[in-house]
N, C-alpha and C. Protein backbone atom coordinates (compact mmCIF):
# COMPACT_ATOMS: atom_id res chain seq x y z
N UNK A 1 1.82 -6.96 12.40
CA UNK A 1 3.30 -7.40 11.67
C UNK A 1 4.31 -6.35 12.94
N UNK A 2 5.54 -6.92 13.46
CA UNK A 2 6.07 -6.08 14.05
C UNK A 2 6.96 -5.03 13.37
N UNK A 3 7.63 -3.95 14.05
CA UNK A 3 8.49 -3.10 13.62
C UNK A 3 9.78 -3.81 13.08
N UNK A 4 10.39 -3.03 11.86
CA UNK A 4 11.80 -3.44 11.44
C UNK A 4 12.60 -2.64 12.44
N UNK A 5 13.91 -3.05 12.96
CA UNK A 5 14.74 -2.23 14.09
C UNK A 5 16.11 -2.35 13.05
N UNK A 6 16.59 -1.06 13.34
CA UNK A 6 17.85 -0.79 12.77
C UNK A 6 18.62 -0.32 14.29
N UNK A 7 19.44 0.06 13.94
CA UNK A 7 20.36 0.88 14.99
C UNK A 7 19.98 2.07 15.64
N UNK A 8 19.58 2.97 14.81
CA UNK A 8 18.85 4.19 15.29
C UNK A 8 17.39 4.29 15.07
N UNK A 9 16.70 3.34 14.05
CA UNK A 9 15.55 4.09 13.76
C UNK A 9 14.43 2.35 14.09
N UNK A 10 13.32 2.73 14.14
CA UNK A 10 12.24 1.80 14.19
C UNK A 10 11.41 1.80 12.82
N UNK A 11 11.34 1.04 11.87
CA UNK A 11 10.36 1.20 10.92
C UNK A 11 8.94 0.40 10.98
N UNK A 12 7.89 1.24 11.59
CA UNK A 12 6.72 1.11 11.90
C UNK A 12 5.48 0.74 10.99
N UNK A 13 5.32 -0.51 10.84
CA UNK A 13 4.20 -0.87 9.36
C UNK A 13 3.01 -0.13 9.79
N UNK A 14 2.28 0.77 8.85
CA UNK A 14 1.15 1.39 9.02
C UNK A 14 -0.15 0.56 8.76
N UNK A 15 -0.85 0.89 10.29
CA UNK A 15 -2.29 0.21 10.12
C UNK A 15 -3.16 0.86 9.60
N UNK A 16 -4.34 0.53 9.34
CA UNK A 16 -5.49 1.39 8.69
C UNK A 16 -5.60 2.46 9.68
N UNK A 17 -5.89 2.07 11.10
CA UNK A 17 -6.10 3.32 11.93
C UNK A 17 -5.03 4.46 11.87
N UNK A 18 -3.95 3.96 11.87
CA UNK A 18 -2.90 5.30 11.82
C UNK A 18 -2.78 6.04 10.70
N UNK A 19 -3.22 5.34 9.29
CA UNK A 19 -3.61 5.87 8.23
C UNK A 19 -4.40 7.10 7.95
N UNK A 20 -5.65 6.40 8.65
CA UNK A 20 -7.04 7.75 8.88
C UNK A 20 -6.43 8.42 9.85
N UNK A 21 -5.58 8.19 10.61
CA UNK A 21 -5.11 9.69 11.28
C UNK A 21 -4.19 10.43 10.91
N UNK A 22 -3.46 9.99 10.32
CA UNK A 22 -2.46 10.83 9.48
C UNK A 22 -3.06 11.55 8.24
N UNK A 23 -4.03 10.90 7.36
CA UNK A 23 -5.05 11.77 6.59
C UNK A 23 -5.79 12.84 7.02
N UNK A 24 -6.23 12.65 8.62
CA UNK A 24 -6.70 13.86 9.18
C UNK A 24 -5.80 14.93 9.81
N UNK A 25 -4.53 14.43 9.96
CA UNK A 25 -3.60 15.25 10.74
C UNK A 25 -3.82 14.84 12.32
N UNK A 26 -4.45 13.88 12.84
CA UNK A 26 -4.61 13.93 14.01
C UNK A 26 -3.86 12.62 14.85
N UNK A 27 -2.96 12.78 15.26
CA UNK A 27 -2.30 11.43 16.39
C UNK A 27 -2.86 11.11 17.43
N UNK A 28 -3.44 9.66 17.19
CA UNK A 28 -4.09 9.12 18.57
C UNK A 28 -2.79 9.33 19.83
N UNK A 29 -3.32 9.30 20.93
CA UNK A 29 -2.34 9.76 22.26
C UNK A 29 -1.13 8.82 22.16
N UNK A 30 -0.86 7.59 21.45
CA UNK A 30 0.40 6.66 21.67
C UNK A 30 1.47 7.28 20.50
N UNK A 31 0.89 8.00 19.49
CA UNK A 31 1.78 8.71 18.31
C UNK A 31 2.67 9.71 18.75
N UNK A 32 3.59 10.01 18.57
CA UNK A 32 4.45 10.83 18.99
C UNK A 32 5.26 11.27 17.22
N UNK A 33 4.62 12.63 16.72
CA UNK A 33 5.38 13.16 15.66
C UNK A 33 6.15 14.17 15.61
N UNK A 34 7.34 14.04 15.37
CA UNK A 34 8.16 15.24 15.38
C UNK A 34 7.71 16.64 14.67
N UNK A 35 8.02 17.67 15.40
CA UNK A 35 7.23 18.82 14.44
C UNK A 35 7.81 18.81 12.85
N UNK A 36 6.78 18.81 12.24
CA UNK A 36 7.17 18.83 10.47
C UNK A 36 6.44 17.44 10.03
N UNK A 37 5.82 16.58 10.80
CA UNK A 37 5.44 15.45 10.30
C UNK A 37 3.99 15.56 10.67
N UNK A 38 3.03 14.96 9.94
CA UNK A 38 3.36 14.41 8.64
C UNK A 38 3.70 15.47 7.44
N UNK A 39 4.25 15.17 6.35
CA UNK A 39 4.69 15.71 5.57
C UNK A 39 3.51 15.68 4.16
N UNK A 40 3.89 16.31 2.94
CA UNK A 40 2.85 15.68 1.96
C UNK A 40 2.62 14.24 1.08
N UNK A 41 4.09 14.12 1.26
CA UNK A 41 4.38 12.74 0.96
C UNK A 41 4.03 11.74 1.91
N UNK A 42 4.05 11.60 3.10
CA UNK A 42 3.56 10.69 4.22
C UNK A 42 2.05 10.78 3.70
N UNK A 43 1.22 12.00 3.73
CA UNK A 43 -0.17 11.82 3.76
C UNK A 43 -0.60 11.08 2.44
N UNK A 44 0.21 11.52 1.34
CA UNK A 44 -0.22 10.92 -0.10
C UNK A 44 -0.04 9.23 0.29
N UNK A 45 1.05 9.14 0.69
CA UNK A 45 1.28 7.32 1.01
C UNK A 45 -0.01 6.98 1.93
N UNK A 46 -0.21 7.34 2.85
CA UNK A 46 -1.31 7.02 3.70
C UNK A 46 -2.63 6.73 3.14
N UNK A 47 -3.05 7.84 2.08
CA UNK A 47 -4.05 7.60 0.86
C UNK A 47 -4.02 6.72 0.11
N UNK A 48 -2.89 6.36 -0.56
CA UNK A 48 -2.66 5.22 -1.60
C UNK A 48 -2.96 4.02 -0.77
N UNK A 49 -2.20 3.78 0.61
CA UNK A 49 -2.25 2.48 1.55
C UNK A 49 -3.90 2.60 1.55
N UNK A 50 -4.85 3.66 2.06
CA UNK A 50 -6.22 3.19 2.23
C UNK A 50 -6.98 2.73 1.28
N UNK A 51 -6.54 3.31 0.14
CA UNK A 51 -7.46 3.25 -1.67
C UNK A 51 -7.11 1.68 -1.61
N UNK A 52 -5.70 1.43 -1.53
CA UNK A 52 -5.32 -0.16 -2.10
C UNK A 52 -6.32 -1.35 -1.18
N UNK A 53 -6.28 -0.82 0.52
CA UNK A 53 -6.97 -1.83 1.48
C UNK A 53 -8.50 -1.87 1.12
N UNK A 54 -9.14 -0.88 0.78
CA UNK A 54 -10.46 -0.54 0.43
C UNK A 54 -10.39 -1.35 -0.94
N UNK A 55 -9.60 -1.53 -1.95
CA UNK A 55 -9.70 -1.98 -3.17
C UNK A 55 -9.58 -3.28 -3.38
N UNK A 56 -8.45 -3.55 -2.45
CA UNK A 56 -7.82 -5.27 -2.79
C UNK A 56 -7.36 -5.50 -1.68
N UNK A 57 -7.63 -4.91 -0.40
CA UNK A 57 -7.09 -5.60 0.78
C UNK A 57 -5.85 -5.42 1.39
N UNK A 58 -5.52 -5.28 2.42
CA UNK A 58 -4.18 -5.21 3.14
C UNK A 58 -3.03 -5.26 2.24
N UNK A 59 -2.26 -4.73 1.78
CA UNK A 59 -0.92 -5.23 1.22
C UNK A 59 0.14 -5.68 1.93
N UNK A 60 -0.22 -5.54 3.65
CA UNK A 60 1.14 -6.02 4.33
C UNK A 60 1.36 -7.27 3.89
N UNK A 61 2.96 -7.46 4.01
CA UNK A 61 4.04 -6.15 4.55
C UNK A 61 4.74 -5.17 3.76
N UNK A 62 3.83 -5.13 2.53
CA UNK A 62 4.65 -4.18 1.54
C UNK A 62 3.56 -3.23 1.32
N UNK A 63 3.66 -2.48 2.29
CA UNK A 63 2.86 -1.07 2.41
C UNK A 63 3.62 -0.20 3.24
N UNK A 64 3.11 0.62 3.56
CA UNK A 64 3.93 2.10 4.25
C UNK A 64 4.52 1.73 5.61
N UNK A 65 5.66 2.51 5.96
CA UNK A 65 5.81 2.22 7.19
C UNK A 65 6.60 3.65 7.73
N UNK A 66 6.06 3.92 8.91
CA UNK A 66 6.61 5.30 9.44
C UNK A 66 8.15 5.15 9.74
N UNK A 67 9.05 6.02 9.85
CA UNK A 67 10.22 5.55 10.19
C UNK A 67 10.42 6.77 11.45
N UNK A 68 10.43 5.92 12.58
CA UNK A 68 10.86 6.41 14.09
C UNK A 68 12.09 6.52 14.66
N UNK A 69 12.33 7.49 15.34
CA UNK A 69 13.76 7.51 15.73
C UNK A 69 13.57 6.44 17.20
N UNK A 70 14.69 5.52 17.48
CA UNK A 70 14.32 4.57 18.42
C UNK A 70 14.92 5.13 20.05
N UNK A 71 15.58 6.52 20.19
CA UNK A 71 15.86 7.06 20.85
C UNK A 71 14.45 7.54 21.78
N UNK A 72 13.54 7.93 21.12
CA UNK A 72 12.50 8.91 21.51
C UNK A 72 11.21 8.33 20.90
N UNK A 73 11.22 7.76 20.15
CA UNK A 73 9.83 7.18 19.38
C UNK A 73 9.29 8.03 18.42
N UNK A 74 9.51 8.92 18.18
CA UNK A 74 8.95 10.11 17.33
C UNK A 74 9.18 9.77 15.95
N UNK A 75 8.21 9.94 15.08
CA UNK A 75 7.98 9.82 13.63
C UNK A 75 8.67 10.80 13.48
N UNK A 76 9.53 10.66 12.41
CA UNK A 76 10.49 11.64 11.76
C UNK A 76 10.37 11.44 9.88
N UNK A 77 9.75 10.41 9.67
CA UNK A 77 9.45 10.45 7.93
C UNK A 77 8.54 9.05 7.79
N UNK A 78 8.51 8.70 6.57
CA UNK A 78 7.99 7.36 5.94
C UNK A 78 8.64 6.89 5.14
N UNK A 79 9.00 5.29 4.80
CA UNK A 79 9.39 4.57 3.58
C UNK A 79 8.26 3.41 2.94
N UNK A 80 8.20 3.43 1.93
CA UNK A 80 7.06 2.71 1.59
C UNK A 80 7.31 1.57 0.47
N UNK A 81 6.66 0.76 0.50
CA UNK A 81 6.58 -0.34 -0.80
C UNK A 81 5.04 0.29 -1.66
N UNK A 82 5.40 0.64 -3.22
CA UNK A 82 4.40 1.29 -3.60
C UNK A 82 3.38 -0.06 -4.23
N UNK A 83 3.37 -0.91 -3.50
CA UNK A 83 2.74 -2.44 -3.61
C UNK A 83 3.38 -3.69 -3.36
N UNK A 84 2.50 -4.35 -3.75
CA UNK A 84 3.14 -5.84 -3.55
C UNK A 84 4.00 -6.47 -4.89
N UNK A 85 4.83 -7.14 -4.89
CA UNK A 85 5.88 -7.60 -5.82
C UNK A 85 4.89 -7.85 -6.83
N UNK A 86 5.50 -7.53 -8.58
CA UNK A 86 4.82 -7.81 -9.54
C UNK A 86 5.29 -9.23 -10.05
N UNK A 87 4.57 -9.57 -10.99
CA UNK A 87 5.02 -11.12 -11.57
C UNK A 87 6.32 -11.14 -11.76
N UNK A 88 7.52 -10.55 -11.99
CA UNK A 88 8.57 -10.57 -11.92
C UNK A 88 9.52 -10.58 -10.41
N UNK A 89 8.73 -10.49 -9.31
CA UNK A 89 9.22 -10.31 -8.21
C UNK A 89 9.45 -9.13 -7.79
N UNK A 90 9.06 -8.04 -8.55
CA UNK A 90 9.70 -6.71 -8.60
C UNK A 90 9.01 -5.72 -7.76
N UNK A 91 9.28 -4.49 -6.90
CA UNK A 91 8.80 -3.68 -5.99
C UNK A 91 9.43 -2.44 -6.12
N UNK A 92 8.23 -1.13 -6.08
CA UNK A 92 9.02 -0.18 -6.19
C UNK A 92 9.20 0.70 -4.70
N UNK A 93 9.68 1.35 -4.56
CA UNK A 93 9.99 1.97 -3.00
C UNK A 93 9.66 3.53 -3.16
N UNK A 94 9.60 4.38 -2.04
CA UNK A 94 9.54 5.67 -2.05
C UNK A 94 9.47 6.04 -0.50
N UNK A 95 10.07 7.12 -0.18
CA UNK A 95 10.89 7.46 1.22
C UNK A 95 10.81 9.10 1.52
N UNK A 96 10.85 9.72 2.39
CA UNK A 96 10.92 11.17 2.91
C UNK A 96 11.27 10.95 4.16
N UNK A 97 11.51 12.10 4.56
CA UNK A 97 12.09 12.64 5.80
C UNK A 97 11.48 14.17 6.26
N UNK A 98 11.15 14.52 7.32
CA UNK A 98 10.94 15.88 7.95
C UNK A 98 12.33 16.78 7.09
N UNK A 99 12.65 17.87 7.11
CA UNK A 99 13.72 18.57 7.01
C UNK A 99 14.67 18.57 8.28
N UNK A 100 14.07 18.53 9.28
CA UNK A 100 15.16 18.45 10.53
C UNK A 100 15.71 17.09 10.64
N UNK A 101 15.19 16.34 10.31
CA UNK A 101 16.18 14.37 10.25
C UNK A 101 17.02 14.71 9.05
N UNK A 102 16.73 15.52 8.06
CA UNK A 102 17.64 15.27 6.70
C UNK A 102 18.70 15.37 6.80
N UNK A 103 20.13 14.54 6.06
CA UNK A 103 21.30 14.81 6.15
C UNK A 103 21.92 14.18 7.14
N UNK A 104 21.24 13.43 8.21
CA UNK A 104 21.60 12.50 8.95
C UNK A 104 22.00 10.90 8.74
N UNK A 105 22.08 10.69 7.75
CA UNK A 105 21.71 9.06 7.48
C UNK A 105 20.58 8.39 7.71
N UNK A 106 19.72 8.68 7.96
CA UNK A 106 18.34 7.98 8.30
C UNK A 106 17.63 7.39 7.37
N UNK A 107 17.44 8.14 6.38
CA UNK A 107 16.96 7.49 5.19
C UNK A 107 17.62 6.63 4.38
N UNK A 108 19.03 6.32 4.48
CA UNK A 108 19.87 5.42 3.96
C UNK A 108 19.65 4.28 4.89
N UNK A 109 19.80 4.33 6.16
CA UNK A 109 19.48 3.38 7.28
C UNK A 109 18.42 2.84 7.03
N UNK A 110 17.04 3.91 6.64
CA UNK A 110 15.92 3.01 6.68
C UNK A 110 15.53 2.10 5.36
N UNK A 111 16.46 2.73 4.20
CA UNK A 111 16.08 1.81 3.27
C UNK A 111 17.05 0.77 2.87
N UNK A 112 17.86 0.77 3.66
CA UNK A 112 18.67 -0.50 3.72
C UNK A 112 17.95 -1.33 4.55
N UNK A 113 17.44 -0.91 5.68
CA UNK A 113 16.62 -2.07 6.18
C UNK A 113 15.13 -2.49 5.38
N UNK A 114 14.75 -1.82 4.77
CA UNK A 114 13.50 -2.18 3.91
C UNK A 114 14.15 -3.21 2.68
N UNK A 115 15.39 -2.51 2.01
CA UNK A 115 15.86 -3.50 1.39
C UNK A 115 16.09 -5.06 1.54
N UNK A 116 16.43 -4.99 2.80
CA UNK A 116 17.23 -6.43 3.68
C UNK A 116 15.61 -7.22 3.64
N UNK A 117 14.82 -6.48 4.08
CA UNK A 117 13.28 -6.93 4.47
C UNK A 117 12.97 -7.56 2.95
N UNK A 118 12.74 -6.85 2.03
CA UNK A 118 12.39 -6.92 0.38
C UNK A 118 12.95 -8.10 0.17
N UNK A 119 14.48 -8.47 0.21
CA UNK A 119 14.98 -9.60 0.02
C UNK A 119 14.99 -10.69 0.53
N UNK A 120 14.50 -10.72 2.07
CA UNK A 120 14.43 -11.74 2.88
C UNK A 120 13.08 -12.58 2.31
N UNK A 121 12.07 -11.43 2.05
CA UNK A 121 10.65 -12.05 1.42
C UNK A 121 10.52 -12.38 -0.07
N UNK A 122 11.96 -13.02 -0.42
CA UNK A 122 11.53 -13.19 -1.65
C UNK A 122 11.36 -12.19 -2.82
N UNK A 123 11.66 -11.19 -2.35
CA UNK A 123 11.72 -10.06 -3.65
C UNK A 123 13.00 -9.99 -4.51
N UNK A 124 12.61 -10.55 -5.78
CA UNK A 124 13.71 -10.04 -6.85
C UNK A 124 14.58 -9.27 -6.98
N UNK A 125 14.21 -8.06 -6.96
CA UNK A 125 14.42 -6.58 -7.49
C UNK A 125 13.82 -5.51 -6.73
N UNK A 126 14.19 -4.19 -6.56
CA UNK A 126 13.33 -3.08 -6.11
C UNK A 126 14.26 -1.79 -6.80
N UNK A 127 12.95 -1.18 -7.22
CA UNK A 127 13.31 0.08 -7.72
C UNK A 127 13.08 1.15 -7.38
N UNK A 128 13.60 2.54 -7.52
CA UNK A 128 13.03 3.77 -7.06
C UNK A 128 13.80 4.45 -8.01
N UNK A 129 12.99 5.97 -7.79
CA UNK A 129 13.47 7.32 -9.02
C UNK A 129 14.11 8.33 -8.17
N UNK A 130 14.74 9.10 -8.52
CA UNK A 130 14.83 10.63 -8.28
C UNK A 130 14.86 11.48 -8.96
N UNK A 131 14.21 12.99 -9.10
CA UNK A 131 14.42 13.78 -9.89
C UNK A 131 15.86 14.29 -10.19
N UNK A 132 16.54 14.50 -11.25
CA UNK A 132 17.83 14.91 -11.44
C UNK A 132 18.41 16.13 -10.32
N UNK A 133 17.69 17.09 -10.03
CA UNK A 133 17.91 17.76 -9.19
C UNK A 133 18.16 17.47 -7.69
N UNK A 134 17.49 16.34 -7.55
CA UNK A 134 17.39 15.87 -5.95
C UNK A 134 18.50 15.07 -5.77
N UNK A 135 19.44 15.44 -5.60
CA UNK A 135 21.13 14.72 -5.63
C UNK A 135 20.78 13.96 -4.09
N UNK A 136 20.33 14.47 -3.26
CA UNK A 136 20.10 13.81 -1.52
C UNK A 136 19.71 12.51 -1.77
N UNK A 137 18.41 12.47 -2.47
CA UNK A 137 17.92 11.07 -2.71
C UNK A 137 18.68 10.23 -3.49
N UNK A 138 19.48 10.65 -4.55
CA UNK A 138 20.06 9.63 -5.31
C UNK A 138 21.48 9.20 -4.79
N UNK A 139 21.83 9.92 -3.62
CA UNK A 139 23.02 9.42 -2.62
C UNK A 139 22.25 8.60 -1.68
N UNK A 140 20.87 8.58 -1.10
CA UNK A 140 20.27 7.79 -0.42
C UNK A 140 20.16 6.38 -1.23
N UNK A 141 19.78 6.36 -2.31
CA UNK A 141 19.78 5.17 -3.19
C UNK A 141 20.99 4.36 -3.04
N UNK A 142 21.97 5.28 -3.53
CA UNK A 142 23.24 4.64 -3.79
C UNK A 142 23.92 3.98 -2.68
N UNK A 143 23.79 4.76 -1.36
CA UNK A 143 24.01 4.59 -0.18
C UNK A 143 23.56 3.14 0.24
N UNK A 144 22.49 3.04 0.07
CA UNK A 144 21.78 1.66 0.46
C UNK A 144 21.76 0.60 -0.34
N UNK A 145 22.53 0.93 -1.76
CA UNK A 145 23.25 -0.46 -2.15
C UNK A 145 22.62 -0.26 -3.83
N UNK A 146 21.85 0.40 -4.43
CA UNK A 146 21.12 0.65 -5.50
C UNK A 146 21.82 1.34 -6.17
N UNK A 147 21.45 1.12 -7.66
CA UNK A 147 22.65 1.66 -8.74
C UNK A 147 21.74 2.37 -9.85
N UNK A 148 22.26 3.44 -10.57
CA UNK A 148 21.58 4.03 -11.33
C UNK A 148 21.05 2.86 -12.67
N UNK A 149 20.24 2.86 -13.37
CA UNK A 149 20.00 2.31 -14.34
C UNK A 149 19.15 2.69 -15.69
N UNK A 150 19.01 4.14 -15.56
CA UNK A 150 18.65 4.67 -16.77
C UNK A 150 18.14 5.86 -15.99
N UNK A 151 17.58 7.08 -17.00
CA UNK A 151 16.76 8.31 -16.85
C UNK A 151 16.40 8.34 -18.02
N UNK A 152 15.04 9.52 -17.47
CA UNK A 152 14.48 10.13 -18.74
C UNK A 152 14.84 11.68 -18.60
N UNK A 153 13.89 12.13 -18.61
CA UNK A 153 14.36 14.16 -19.34
C UNK A 153 13.83 14.47 -17.97
N UNK A 154 13.02 13.85 -16.83
CA UNK A 154 13.01 14.18 -15.39
C UNK A 154 13.61 13.73 -14.01
N UNK A 155 14.00 12.32 -14.45
CA UNK A 155 14.40 11.12 -12.96
C UNK A 155 15.17 10.51 -13.77
N UNK A 156 16.13 9.93 -12.32
CA UNK A 156 16.88 9.03 -12.60
C UNK A 156 16.64 7.95 -12.15
N UNK A 157 16.53 6.47 -12.68
CA UNK A 157 16.08 5.28 -12.22
C UNK A 157 17.26 4.69 -11.49
N UNK A 158 17.02 3.81 -10.31
CA UNK A 158 17.94 3.25 -9.89
C UNK A 158 17.17 1.60 -9.36
N UNK A 159 18.05 0.76 -9.13
CA UNK A 159 17.66 -0.48 -8.69
C UNK A 159 18.43 -1.54 -8.52
N UNK A 160 17.76 -2.36 -7.48
CA UNK A 160 18.92 -3.31 -7.01
C UNK A 160 18.17 -4.77 -7.08
N UNK A 161 19.16 -5.74 -7.69
CA UNK A 161 18.30 -7.00 -7.95
C UNK A 161 19.45 -8.05 -7.15
N UNK A 162 18.70 -9.26 -7.11
CA UNK A 162 19.48 -10.56 -6.08
C UNK A 162 18.73 -11.23 -7.09
N UNK A 163 19.95 -12.17 -7.34
CA UNK A 163 19.74 -13.65 -7.79
C UNK A 163 19.09 -14.87 -7.05
N UNK A 164 18.36 -15.53 -7.33
CA UNK A 164 17.69 -16.32 -6.34
C UNK A 164 19.16 -17.55 -5.54
N UNK A 165 20.05 -17.67 -6.37
CA UNK A 165 21.31 -18.53 -5.98
C UNK A 165 21.95 -17.45 -4.85
N UNK A 166 21.50 -16.43 -5.23
CA UNK A 166 22.63 -15.51 -3.70
C UNK A 166 21.74 -15.37 -2.61
N UNK A 167 20.57 -15.89 -2.50
CA UNK A 167 19.61 -15.51 -0.86
C UNK A 167 20.10 -16.54 -0.10
């Protein structure tokens, strides 16, 4: 699968080999990791991906993507689908950036690209959540077109849906 390209970013689909390197914190010669990458969330995403690959096969294109800057190809974070669409055509997403890349609009740009990609693949809805005190993540989802749809004692839930006639 090829990279998803935005104005400033490349969303690179993670391969099994790249996920193994992430888990070992050992980039190969072609990987360019910005200082602070991988973060704990990136390692967790790689682990979930490897577990899914081992148990039910590669979920691509509904797996994890590295967020890379187009200018220098350095990896600054990740964005992922938490699995293939369910029986209702819904997927859940997650994302994260290293601290030095936060506050520059990269997360919203990456999420918009992932949402557009999901829609083009026939996904009916995308869901996400953010802790109540994580206003930055809430702003990212809102900026990408997701809307609050509920909350519990810990998180606010967000979603975006498309009807089949709107595609």
